[in-house]
Amino acid sequence: MKKTYIILLFVVLGVVTVNAQGIRYGVTGGINLHTTSGDVDTEGVLVGYYAGVKSIYDFSQNGQGLYLTGTLALSEKAFKTVPIELTPNRPETSTYGKVKTHSVEVPIRMGYKFPIGRTVKLLAEAGPYISIGLWGNYDVYTNGKKVAKYNEAFDKYGIRRCDFGLGMGLGLQYSEHYQLNISYNHGLAQLTHPEKKEKMFSTPSLYNRTFNITISYIF
């Protein structure tokens, strides 16, 4: 697992350093629509923020065709476990957990620009991402009230700090400066610690699933 993180890190560094003179930079911001998959029963989709800086390198001089883009962003993700009724047939007695994490996320995408007008282009892109957790918390609610709070979601009994996976997206670019993107990230990293006897989640598998909607300005 550590070797995978190291390889992805070298990929990121290579993208940043290659042909730096031809790279354009910008800012990006938007929202995450996040849930999970695996053996943990989660409920609904929770919203988090997404903000950072991005770069783009066009392989053609006319700004069409193949391009490479990367983002360095602060990303918030959250999920809620399905409520468990403490008293059968009485949902008001339920208890559930809510996890919220804040991470540095670096997606790298290879894409293609399709002109659909004089100033508008359709963007299609795909590639890997890696995410490193910074901080997070895990709250427990019973009867609608918070009864416990754990300030470290990334401890040895919580979820793993590192995540990676594959992503794809579609977008629109207007006047070479403005971009609207909708992306999906499919996490491949196992987030829980099934080998631990004492753990936050008694489950052998948990994976991130995130839709991302952003608006960017490229200088």
C-alpha atoms as a PDB file:
ATOM      1  CA  MET A   1       0.000   0.000   0.000  1.00  0.00           C
ATOM      2  CA  LYS A   2       2.786   2.453   0.859  1.00  0.00           C
ATOM      3  CA  LYS A   3       4.456   1.734  -2.488  1.00  0.00           C
ATOM      4  CA  THR A   4       1.232   2.751  -4.252  1.00  0.00           C
ATOM      5  CA  TYR A   5       1.178   6.108  -2.449  1.00  0.00           C
ATOM      6  CA  ILE A   6       4.826   6.729  -3.345  1.00  0.00           C
ATOM      7  CA  ILE A   7       4.214   5.963  -7.025  1.00  0.00           C
ATOM      8  CA  LEU A   8       1.225   8.291  -7.143  1.00  0.00           C
ATOM      9  CA  LEU A   9       3.251  11.025  -5.446  1.00  0.00           C
ATOM     10  CA  PHE A  10       5.975  10.772  -8.093  1.00  0.00           C
ATOM     11  CA  VAL A  11       3.310  10.984 -10.806  1.00  0.00           C
ATOM     12  CA  VAL A  12       2.004  14.198  -9.254  1.00  0.00           C
ATOM     13  CA  LEU A  13       5.481  15.707  -8.978  1.00  0.00           C
ATOM     14  CA  GLY A  14       6.220  14.791 -12.563  1.00  0.00           C
ATOM     15  CA  VAL A  15       3.074  16.479 -13.811  1.00  0.00           C
ATOM     16  CA  VAL A  16       3.912  19.636 -11.874  1.00  0.00           C
ATOM     17  CA  THR A  17       7.459  19.915 -13.211  1.00  0.00           C
ATOM     18  CA  VAL A  18       7.009  18.883 -16.844  1.00  0.00           C
ATOM     19  CA  ASN A  19       7.058  21.768 -19.322  1.00  0.00           C
ATOM     20  CA  ALA A  20       6.188  24.311 -16.616  1.00  0.00           C
ATOM     21  CA  GLN A  21       6.492  27.249 -19.019  1.00  0.00           C
ATOM     22  CA  GLY A  22       3.418  26.117 -20.964  1.00  0.00           C
ATOM     23  CA  ILE A  23       1.151  25.591 -17.963  1.00  0.00           C
ATOM     24  CA  ARG A  24      -1.698  27.968 -17.125  1.00  0.00           C
ATOM     25  CA  TYR A  25      -2.908  28.313 -13.540  1.00  0.00           C
ATOM     26  CA  GLY A  26      -6.229  29.132 -11.951  1.00  0.00           C
ATOM     27  CA  VAL A  27      -8.493  28.848  -8.915  1.00  0.00           C
ATOM     28  CA  THR A  28     -11.386  26.477  -8.386  1.00  0.00           C
ATOM     29  CA  GLY A  29     -14.210  26.023  -5.898  1.00  0.00           C
ATOM     30  CA  GLY A  30     -17.406  24.065  -5.473  1.00  0.00           C
ATOM     31  CA  ILE A  31     -19.080  21.254  -3.551  1.00  0.00           C
ATOM     32  CA  ASN A  32     -18.679  17.531  -2.908  1.00  0.00           C
ATOM     33  CA  LEU A  33     -21.684  15.209  -2.930  1.00  0.00           C
ATOM     34  CA  HIS A  34     -20.327  12.301  -0.946  1.00  0.00           C
ATOM     35  CA  THR A  35     -21.364   8.845   0.136  1.00  0.00           C
ATOM     36  CA  THR A  36     -19.646   5.471   0.622  1.00  0.00           C
ATOM     37  CA  SER A  37     -19.889   1.879  -0.505  1.00  0.00           C
ATOM     38  CA  GLY A  38     -18.897  -1.364   1.157  1.00  0.00           C
ATOM     39  CA  ASP A  39     -20.201  -3.199   4.185  1.00  0.00           C
ATOM     40  CA  VAL A  40     -21.121  -0.046   6.126  1.00  0.00           C
ATOM     41  CA  ASP A  41     -24.756   0.957   5.620  1.00  0.00           C
ATOM     42  CA  THR A  42     -24.729   4.703   4.990  1.00  0.00           C
ATOM     43  CA  GLU A  43     -27.733   6.946   4.471  1.00  0.00           C
ATOM     44  CA  GLY A  44     -28.140   9.613   1.822  1.00  0.00           C
ATOM     45  CA  VAL A  45     -25.607  11.963   0.276  1.00  0.00           C
ATOM     46  CA  LEU A  46     -23.910  14.691   2.341  1.00  0.00           C
ATOM     47  CA  VAL A  47     -22.540  17.987   1.015  1.00  0.00           C
ATOM     48  CA  GLY A  48     -19.018  19.307   1.654  1.00  0.00           C
ATOM     49  CA  TYR A  49     -16.819  22.092   0.317  1.00  0.00           C
ATOM     50  CA  TYR A  50     -14.086  21.832  -2.325  1.00  0.00           C
ATOM     51  CA  ALA A  51     -11.592  24.660  -2.957  1.00  0.00           C
ATOM     52  CA  GLY A  52      -8.098  24.981  -4.354  1.00  0.00           C
ATOM     53  CA  VAL A  53      -5.833  25.844  -7.256  1.00  0.00           C
ATOM     54  CA  LYS A  54      -5.520  24.068 -10.582  1.00  0.00           C
ATOM     55  CA  SER A  55      -3.262  23.988 -13.604  1.00  0.00           C
ATOM     56  CA  ILE A  56      -3.835  23.066 -17.216  1.00  0.00           C
ATOM     57  CA  TYR A  57      -1.463  22.310 -20.061  1.00  0.00           C
ATOM     58  CA  ASP A  58      -2.739  22.282 -23.655  1.00  0.00           C
ATOM     59  CA  PHE A  59      -0.758  20.070 -26.003  1.00  0.00           C
ATOM     60  CA  SER A  60      -1.955  22.109 -29.009  1.00  0.00           C
ATOM     61  CA  GLN A  61      -1.364  25.835 -29.486  1.00  0.00           C
ATOM     62  CA  ASN A  62      -4.974  26.604 -30.457  1.00  0.00           C
ATOM     63  CA  GLY A  63      -6.357  25.481 -27.070  1.00  0.00           C
ATOM     64  CA  GLN A  64      -8.266  22.540 -28.560  1.00  0.00           C
ATOM     65  CA  GLY A  65      -7.688  18.802 -28.439  1.00  0.00           C
ATOM     66  CA  LEU A  66      -5.617  17.006 -25.838  1.00  0.00           C
ATOM     67  CA  TYR A  67      -4.773  18.581 -22.452  1.00  0.00           C
ATOM     68  CA  LEU A  68      -3.449  17.641 -19.003  1.00  0.00           C
ATOM     69  CA  THR A  69      -4.821  19.161 -15.815  1.00  0.00           C
ATOM     70  CA  GLY A  70      -4.096  18.856 -12.101  1.00  0.00           C
ATOM     71  CA  THR A  71      -5.641  20.315  -8.950  1.00  0.00           C
ATOM     72  CA  LEU A  72      -4.435  20.849  -5.390  1.00  0.00           C
ATOM     73  CA  ALA A  73      -7.562  21.231  -3.249  1.00  0.00           C
ATOM     74  CA  LEU A  74      -8.877  21.174   0.290  1.00  0.00           C
ATOM     75  CA  SER A  75     -11.802  18.763   0.285  1.00  0.00           C
ATOM     76  CA  GLU A  76     -14.505  18.055   2.873  1.00  0.00           C
ATOM     77  CA  LYS A  77     -16.290  14.696   2.854  1.00  0.00           C
ATOM     78  CA  ALA A  78     -18.949  13.366   5.198  1.00  0.00           C
ATOM     79  CA  PHE A  79     -21.196  10.353   5.584  1.00  0.00           C
ATOM     80  CA  LYS A  80     -23.892   9.202   7.979  1.00  0.00           C
ATOM     81  CA  THR A  81     -24.544   5.625   9.071  1.00  0.00           C
ATOM     82  CA  VAL A  82     -28.048   4.191   8.824  1.00  0.00           C
ATOM     83  CA  PRO A  83     -29.907   4.776  12.139  1.00  0.00           C
ATOM     84  CA  ILE A  84     -30.293   1.748  14.394  1.00  0.00           C
ATOM     85  CA  GLU A  85     -33.519   1.624  16.419  1.00  0.00           C
ATOM     86  CA  LEU A  86     -32.807   1.064  20.099  1.00  0.00           C
ATOM     87  CA  THR A  87     -36.482   0.184  20.591  1.00  0.00           C
ATOM     88  CA  PRO A  88     -38.052  -1.838  17.736  1.00  0.00           C
ATOM     89  CA  ASN A  89     -40.620   0.050  15.614  1.00  0.00           C
ATOM     90  CA  ARG A  90     -39.732   3.364  17.319  1.00  0.00           C
ATOM     91  CA  PRO A  91     -37.494   5.415  14.989  1.00  0.00           C
ATOM     92  CA  GLU A  92     -37.348   8.264  17.516  1.00  0.00           C
ATOM     93  CA  THR A  93     -35.096   6.070  19.668  1.00  0.00           C
ATOM     94  CA  SER A  94     -32.537   5.523  16.916  1.00  0.00           C
ATOM     95  CA  THR A  95     -28.791   6.099  17.120  1.00  0.00           C
ATOM     96  CA  TYR A  96     -26.368   6.810  14.243  1.00  0.00           C
ATOM     97  CA  GLY A  97     -22.862   8.084  13.564  1.00  0.00           C
ATOM     98  CA  LYS A  98     -21.716  10.964  11.372  1.00  0.00           C
ATOM     99  CA  VAL A  99     -18.153  11.252  10.064  1.00  0.00           C
ATOM    100  CA  LYS A 100     -16.707  14.465   8.618  1.00  0.00           C
ATOM    101  CA  THR A 101     -13.169  14.667   7.205  1.00  0.00           C
ATOM    102  CA  HIS A 102     -10.986  17.396   5.680  1.00  0.00           C
ATOM    103  CA  SER A 103      -8.244  16.339   3.264  1.00  0.00           C
ATOM    104  CA  VAL A 104      -5.739  17.577   0.710  1.00  0.00           C
ATOM    105  CA  GLU A 105      -6.775  16.078  -2.609  1.00  0.00           C
ATOM    106  CA  VAL A 106      -4.778  15.939  -5.853  1.00  0.00           C
ATOM    107  CA  PRO A 107      -6.596  14.708  -8.980  1.00  0.00           C
ATOM    108  CA  ILE A 108      -4.607  14.376 -12.228  1.00  0.00           C
ATOM    109  CA  ARG A 109      -6.665  14.194 -15.421  1.00  0.00           C
ATOM    110  CA  MET A 110      -5.935  13.700 -19.091  1.00  0.00           C
ATOM    111  CA  GLY A 111      -8.650  15.286 -21.192  1.00  0.00           C
ATOM    112  CA  TYR A 112      -9.836  16.437 -24.579  1.00  0.00           C
ATOM    113  CA  LYS A 113     -11.469  19.711 -25.611  1.00  0.00           C
ATOM    114  CA  PHE A 114     -14.218  19.592 -28.231  1.00  0.00           C
ATOM    115  CA  PRO A 115     -15.196  22.980 -29.746  1.00  0.00           C
ATOM    116  CA  ILE A 116     -18.986  23.469 -29.812  1.00  0.00           C
ATOM    117  CA  GLY A 117     -18.961  27.158 -30.685  1.00  0.00           C
ATOM    118  CA  ARG A 118     -16.644  30.116 -31.201  1.00  0.00           C
ATOM    119  CA  THR A 119     -15.996  30.571 -27.469  1.00  0.00           C
ATOM    120  CA  VAL A 120     -17.347  27.362 -25.860  1.00  0.00           C
ATOM    121  CA  LYS A 121     -15.641  23.964 -25.595  1.00  0.00           C
ATOM    122  CA  LEU A 122     -16.825  20.657 -24.176  1.00  0.00           C
ATOM    123  CA  LEU A 123     -14.345  19.037 -21.770  1.00  0.00           C
ATOM    124  CA  ALA A 124     -14.009  15.271 -21.199  1.00  0.00           C
ATOM    125  CA  GLU A 125     -11.312  13.971 -18.847  1.00  0.00           C
ATOM    126  CA  ALA A 126     -10.234  11.015 -16.717  1.00  0.00           C
ATOM    127  CA  GLY A 127      -7.350  10.022 -14.442  1.00  0.00           C
ATOM    128  CA  PRO A 128      -6.198   9.082 -10.918  1.00  0.00           C
ATOM    129  CA  TYR A 129      -6.442  10.990  -7.642  1.00  0.00           C
ATOM    130  CA  ILE A 130      -4.775  10.774  -4.256  1.00  0.00           C
ATOM    131  CA  SER A 131      -6.044  12.248  -0.980  1.00  0.00           C
ATOM    132  CA  ILE A 132      -4.322  12.731   2.386  1.00  0.00           C
ATOM    133  CA  GLY A 133      -6.505  13.319   5.441  1.00  0.00           C
ATOM    134  CA  LEU A 134      -5.652  16.332   7.623  1.00  0.00           C
ATOM    135  CA  TRP A 135      -8.279  16.278  10.352  1.00  0.00           C
ATOM    136  CA  GLY A 136     -11.783  15.003  11.006  1.00  0.00           C
ATOM    137  CA  ASN A 137     -14.294  14.019  13.666  1.00  0.00           C
ATOM    138  CA  TYR A 138     -16.836  11.315  14.367  1.00  0.00           C
ATOM    139  CA  ASP A 139     -20.080  12.178  16.197  1.00  0.00           C
ATOM    140  CA  VAL A 140     -22.674   9.822  17.648  1.00  0.00           C
ATOM    141  CA  TYR A 141     -26.338  10.865  17.864  1.00  0.00           C
ATOM    142  CA  THR A 142     -29.108   9.225  19.911  1.00  0.00           C
ATOM    143  CA  ASN A 143     -32.703  10.445  19.898  1.00  0.00           C
ATOM    144  CA  GLY A 144     -31.637  13.354  17.716  1.00  0.00           C
ATOM    145  CA  LYS A 145     -29.018  14.619  20.210  1.00  0.00           C
ATOM    146  CA  LYS A 146     -25.240  14.399  20.035  1.00  0.00           C
ATOM    147  CA  VAL A 147     -24.127  12.021  22.778  1.00  0.00           C
ATOM    148  CA  ALA A 148     -20.452  11.522  21.866  1.00  0.00           C
ATOM    149  CA  LYS A 149     -17.762  13.274  19.842  1.00  0.00           C
ATOM    150  CA  TYR A 150     -14.397  11.932  18.760  1.00  0.00           C
ATOM    151  CA  ASN A 151     -12.069  14.676  17.515  1.00  0.00           C
ATOM    152  CA  GLU A 152      -9.785  12.360  15.557  1.00  0.00           C
ATOM    153  CA  ALA A 153     -11.470  10.375  12.785  1.00  0.00           C
ATOM    154  CA  PHE A 154      -8.067   9.270  11.454  1.00  0.00           C
ATOM    155  CA  ASP A 155      -6.764   7.530  14.553  1.00  0.00           C
ATOM    156  CA  LYS A 156      -5.788   3.859  14.539  1.00  0.00           C
ATOM    157  CA  TYR A 157      -9.354   2.797  15.358  1.00  0.00           C
ATOM    158  CA  GLY A 158     -11.045   5.137  12.864  1.00  0.00           C
ATOM    159  CA  ILE A 159     -10.568   5.395   9.105  1.00  0.00           C
ATOM    160  CA  ARG A 160      -7.338   5.467   7.137  1.00  0.00           C
ATOM    161  CA  ARG A 161      -5.794   8.839   6.352  1.00  0.00           C
ATOM    162  CA  CYS A 162      -4.791   8.029   2.748  1.00  0.00           C
ATOM    163  CA  ASP A 163      -7.223   7.479  -0.101  1.00  0.00           C
ATOM    164  CA  PHE A 164      -6.724   7.039  -3.826  1.00  0.00           C
ATOM    165  CA  GLY A 165      -8.801   6.070  -6.821  1.00  0.00           C
ATOM    166  CA  LEU A 166      -9.931   6.925 -10.324  1.00  0.00           C
ATOM    167  CA  GLY A 167     -12.000   9.836 -11.543  1.00  0.00           C
ATOM    168  CA  MET A 168     -13.732  11.104 -14.651  1.00  0.00           C
ATOM    169  CA  GLY A 169     -15.525  14.283 -15.543  1.00  0.00           C
ATOM    170  CA  LEU A 170     -17.338  16.446 -18.066  1.00  0.00           C
ATOM    171  CA  GLY A 171     -17.309  20.203 -18.294  1.00  0.00           C
ATOM    172  CA  LEU A 172     -17.738  23.363 -20.313  1.00  0.00           C
ATOM    173  CA  GLN A 173     -15.099  26.012 -20.951  1.00  0.00           C
ATOM    174  CA  TYR A 174     -16.048  29.533 -21.954  1.00  0.00           C
ATOM    175  CA  SER A 175     -13.705  32.132 -23.419  1.00  0.00           C
ATOM    176  CA  GLU A 176     -10.546  30.191 -22.399  1.00  0.00           C
ATOM    177  CA  HIS A 177     -10.930  31.347 -18.769  1.00  0.00           C
ATOM    178  CA  TYR A 178     -14.134  29.986 -17.208  1.00  0.00           C
ATOM    179  CA  GLN A 179     -14.831  26.317 -16.562  1.00  0.00           C
ATOM    180  CA  LEU A 180     -17.797  24.428 -15.132  1.00  0.00           C
ATOM    181  CA  ASN A 181     -16.973  20.799 -14.273  1.00  0.00           C
ATOM    182  CA  ILE A 182     -18.914  17.813 -12.952  1.00  0.00           C
ATOM    183  CA  SER A 183     -16.710  14.913 -11.845  1.00  0.00           C
ATOM    184  CA  TYR A 184     -16.979  11.545 -10.161  1.00  0.00           C
ATOM    185  CA  ASN A 185     -14.231   9.979  -8.002  1.00  0.00           C
ATOM    186  CA  HIS A 186     -14.340   6.232  -7.356  1.00  0.00           C
ATOM    187  CA  GLY A 187     -12.242   5.392  -4.310  1.00  0.00           C
ATOM    188  CA  LEU A 188     -10.137   2.224  -4.452  1.00  0.00           C
ATOM    189  CA  ALA A 189      -8.501   2.431  -1.008  1.00  0.00           C
ATOM    190  CA  GLN A 190      -9.860   0.399   1.891  1.00  0.00           C
ATOM    191  CA  LEU A 191     -10.644   3.018   4.558  1.00  0.00           C
ATOM    192  CA  THR A 192     -11.294   0.892   7.635  1.00  0.00           C
ATOM    193  CA  HIS A 193      -9.006  -1.256   9.790  1.00  0.00           C
ATOM    194  CA  PRO A 194     -10.631  -4.709   9.703  1.00  0.00           C
ATOM    195  CA  GLU A 195      -7.599  -6.170  11.514  1.00  0.00           C
ATOM    196  CA  LYS A 196      -8.235  -4.036  14.618  1.00  0.00           C
ATOM    197  CA  LYS A 197     -10.258  -5.587  17.434  1.00  0.00           C
ATOM    198  CA  GLU A 198     -11.264  -2.151  18.720  1.00  0.00           C
ATOM    199  CA  LYS A 199     -12.414   0.083  15.895  1.00  0.00           C
ATOM    200  CA  MET A 200     -14.878   2.776  14.978  1.00  0.00           C
ATOM    201  CA  PHE A 201     -16.623   0.632  12.373  1.00  0.00           C
ATOM    202  CA  SER A 202     -17.043  -3.128  12.732  1.00  0.00           C
ATOM    203  CA  THR A 203     -16.863  -3.716   8.974  1.00  0.00           C
ATOM    204  CA  PRO A 204     -14.336  -5.258   6.589  1.00  0.00           C
ATOM    205  CA  SER A 205     -14.802  -2.664   3.820  1.00  0.00           C
ATOM    206  CA  LEU A 206     -15.523   1.031   3.273  1.00  0.00           C
ATOM    207  CA  TYR A 207     -14.795   3.094   0.132  1.00  0.00           C
ATOM    208  CA  ASN A 208     -15.300   6.730  -0.875  1.00  0.00           C
ATOM    209  CA  ARG A 209     -17.746   7.662  -3.633  1.00  0.00           C
ATOM    210  CA  THR A 210     -17.839  11.364  -4.517  1.00  0.00           C
ATOM    211  CA  PHE A 211     -19.505  13.590  -7.100  1.00  0.00           C
ATOM    212  CA  ASN A 212     -17.861  16.985  -7.437  1.00  0.00           C
ATOM    213  CA  ILE A 213     -19.266  20.196  -8.969  1.00  0.00           C
ATOM    214  CA  THR A 214     -16.832  23.092  -9.439  1.00  0.00           C
ATOM    215  CA  ILE A 215     -16.438  26.466 -11.115  1.00  0.00           C
ATOM    216  CA  SER A 216     -12.900  27.515 -12.096  1.00  0.00           C
ATOM    217  CA  TYR A 217     -11.167  30.606 -13.426  1.00  0.00           C
ATOM    218  CA  ILE A 218      -7.986  30.050 -15.467  1.00  0.00           C
ATOM    219  CA  PHE A 219      -5.658  33.047 -15.693  1.00  0.00           C
END
